[in-house]
């Protein structure tokens, strides 16, 4: 994974697919460049993390993470799920870096 400065005006380089994690809990979102379309896997990770953050504790976080991640059909999609899940948790605890960078996988 390499870091790149976010492209002004939302322009996306031709050699990647933009995936986005929206802002939440007064924390910034995250823009990511991927070698293939992964937005549904990112969204799934975000949804599962939100479900855990908003629900009364009903088991271990790691079990939700492991079982939901297994639903993804490839290593790349599992990685995208993990990024969405963990980024949403990081937003939930208020610890997102404010560097304004985009990341490339």
Protein backbone atom coordinates (compact mmCIF):
# COMPACT_ATOMS: atom_id res chain seq x y z
CA UNK A 1 0.00 0.00 0.00
CA UNK A 2 1.39 3.42 -0.89
CA UNK A 3 0.20 6.85 0.14
CA UNK A 4 -0.66 9.48 -2.44
CA UNK A 5 -1.93 12.97 -1.97
CA UNK A 6 -5.67 13.15 -2.61
CA UNK A 7 -6.42 14.35 -6.11
CA UNK A 8 -8.03 17.81 -6.20
CA UNK A 9 -11.61 17.94 -7.38
CA UNK A 10 -12.07 14.22 -6.89
CA UNK A 11 -10.25 13.31 -10.12
CA UNK A 12 -9.34 9.63 -10.19
CA UNK A 13 -6.26 8.38 -12.00
CA UNK A 14 -6.99 6.08 -14.94
CA UNK A 15 -4.99 3.22 -13.38
CA UNK A 16 -7.24 2.55 -10.38
CA UNK A 17 -10.74 2.32 -8.96
CA UNK A 18 -11.78 4.75 -6.26
CA UNK A 19 -13.25 3.27 -3.10
CA UNK A 20 -14.56 5.54 -0.39
CA UNK A 21 -15.38 5.22 3.28
CA UNK A 22 -17.68 8.08 4.29
CA UNK A 23 -17.07 10.41 7.24
CA UNK A 24 -18.70 9.33 10.51
CA UNK A 25 -18.79 10.43 14.13
CA UNK A 26 -17.21 13.79 13.26
CA UNK A 27 -14.23 11.96 11.79
CA UNK A 28 -13.05 12.26 8.18
CA UNK A 29 -13.70 9.64 5.55
CA UNK A 30 -11.06 7.89 3.51
CA UNK A 31 -10.45 7.67 -0.24
CA UNK A 32 -8.66 4.59 -1.54
CA UNK A 33 -7.40 3.56 -4.96
CA UNK A 34 -7.74 -0.14 -5.71
CA UNK A 35 -6.65 -2.27 -8.68
CA UNK A 36 -10.26 -3.53 -9.07
CA UNK A 37 -13.75 -2.39 -8.00
CA UNK A 38 -14.20 -3.16 -4.29
CA UNK A 39 -16.80 -0.64 -3.06
CA UNK A 40 -19.39 -3.30 -2.07
CA UNK A 41 -16.81 -5.06 0.14
CA UNK A 42 -15.78 -1.73 1.73
CA UNK A 43 -19.45 -0.95 2.38
CA UNK A 44 -20.00 -4.39 3.91
CA UNK A 45 -17.10 -3.87 6.31
CA UNK A 46 -18.43 -0.45 7.31
CA UNK A 47 -21.95 -1.86 7.87
CA UNK A 48 -20.71 -4.73 10.05
CA UNK A 49 -18.61 -2.36 12.18
CA UNK A 50 -21.57 0.02 12.55
CA UNK A 51 -23.78 -2.87 13.57
CA UNK A 52 -21.31 -3.78 16.32
CA UNK A 53 -20.81 -0.15 17.43
CA UNK A 54 -24.56 0.50 17.73
CA UNK A 55 -25.72 -2.81 19.23
CA UNK A 56 -25.58 -3.98 22.79
CA UNK A 57 -22.59 -6.32 23.11
CA UNK A 58 -23.69 -9.73 21.89
CA UNK A 59 -20.44 -11.60 21.64
CA UNK A 60 -16.91 -10.91 20.67
CA UNK A 61 -15.98 -8.36 18.03
CA UNK A 62 -13.47 -10.73 16.47
CA UNK A 63 -16.15 -13.37 15.79
CA UNK A 64 -18.31 -10.87 13.90
CA UNK A 65 -15.24 -9.75 11.96
CA UNK A 66 -14.04 -13.25 11.06
CA UNK A 67 -17.43 -14.63 10.00
CA UNK A 68 -18.44 -11.56 7.98
CA UNK A 69 -15.03 -11.39 6.27
CA UNK A 70 -15.38 -15.00 5.10
CA UNK A 71 -18.35 -13.96 2.94
CA UNK A 72 -15.98 -12.14 0.58
CA UNK A 73 -14.97 -14.20 -2.47
CA UNK A 74 -11.32 -13.16 -2.96
CA UNK A 75 -8.28 -11.98 -1.05
CA UNK A 76 -8.66 -8.47 -2.48
CA UNK A 77 -12.31 -8.26 -1.40
CA UNK A 78 -11.45 -9.61 2.05
CA UNK A 79 -8.78 -6.91 2.36
CA UNK A 80 -11.32 -4.25 1.31
CA UNK A 81 -13.80 -5.60 3.88
CA UNK A 82 -11.09 -5.43 6.56
CA UNK A 83 -10.19 -1.85 5.63
CA UNK A 84 -13.85 -0.77 5.75
CA UNK A 85 -14.46 -2.54 9.05
CA UNK A 86 -11.35 -1.29 10.83
CA UNK A 87 -11.60 2.26 9.46
CA UNK A 88 -15.19 2.53 10.71
CA UNK A 89 -14.09 1.33 14.15
CA UNK A 90 -11.25 3.87 14.11
CA UNK A 91 -13.77 6.59 13.25
CA UNK A 92 -15.95 5.38 16.12
CA UNK A 93 -13.19 5.90 18.67
CA UNK A 94 -12.32 9.31 17.23
CA UNK A 95 -8.78 8.53 16.15
CA UNK A 96 -8.69 9.15 12.39
CA UNK A 97 -5.58 10.93 11.09
CA UNK A 98 -6.34 14.26 9.48
CA UNK A 99 -3.61 14.09 6.84
CA UNK A 100 -5.85 14.49 3.77
CA UNK A 101 -4.15 11.65 1.95
CA UNK A 102 -5.54 8.96 -0.29
CA UNK A 103 -4.13 5.46 -0.23
CA UNK A 104 -3.36 3.10 -3.10
CA UNK A 105 -3.44 -0.69 -2.80
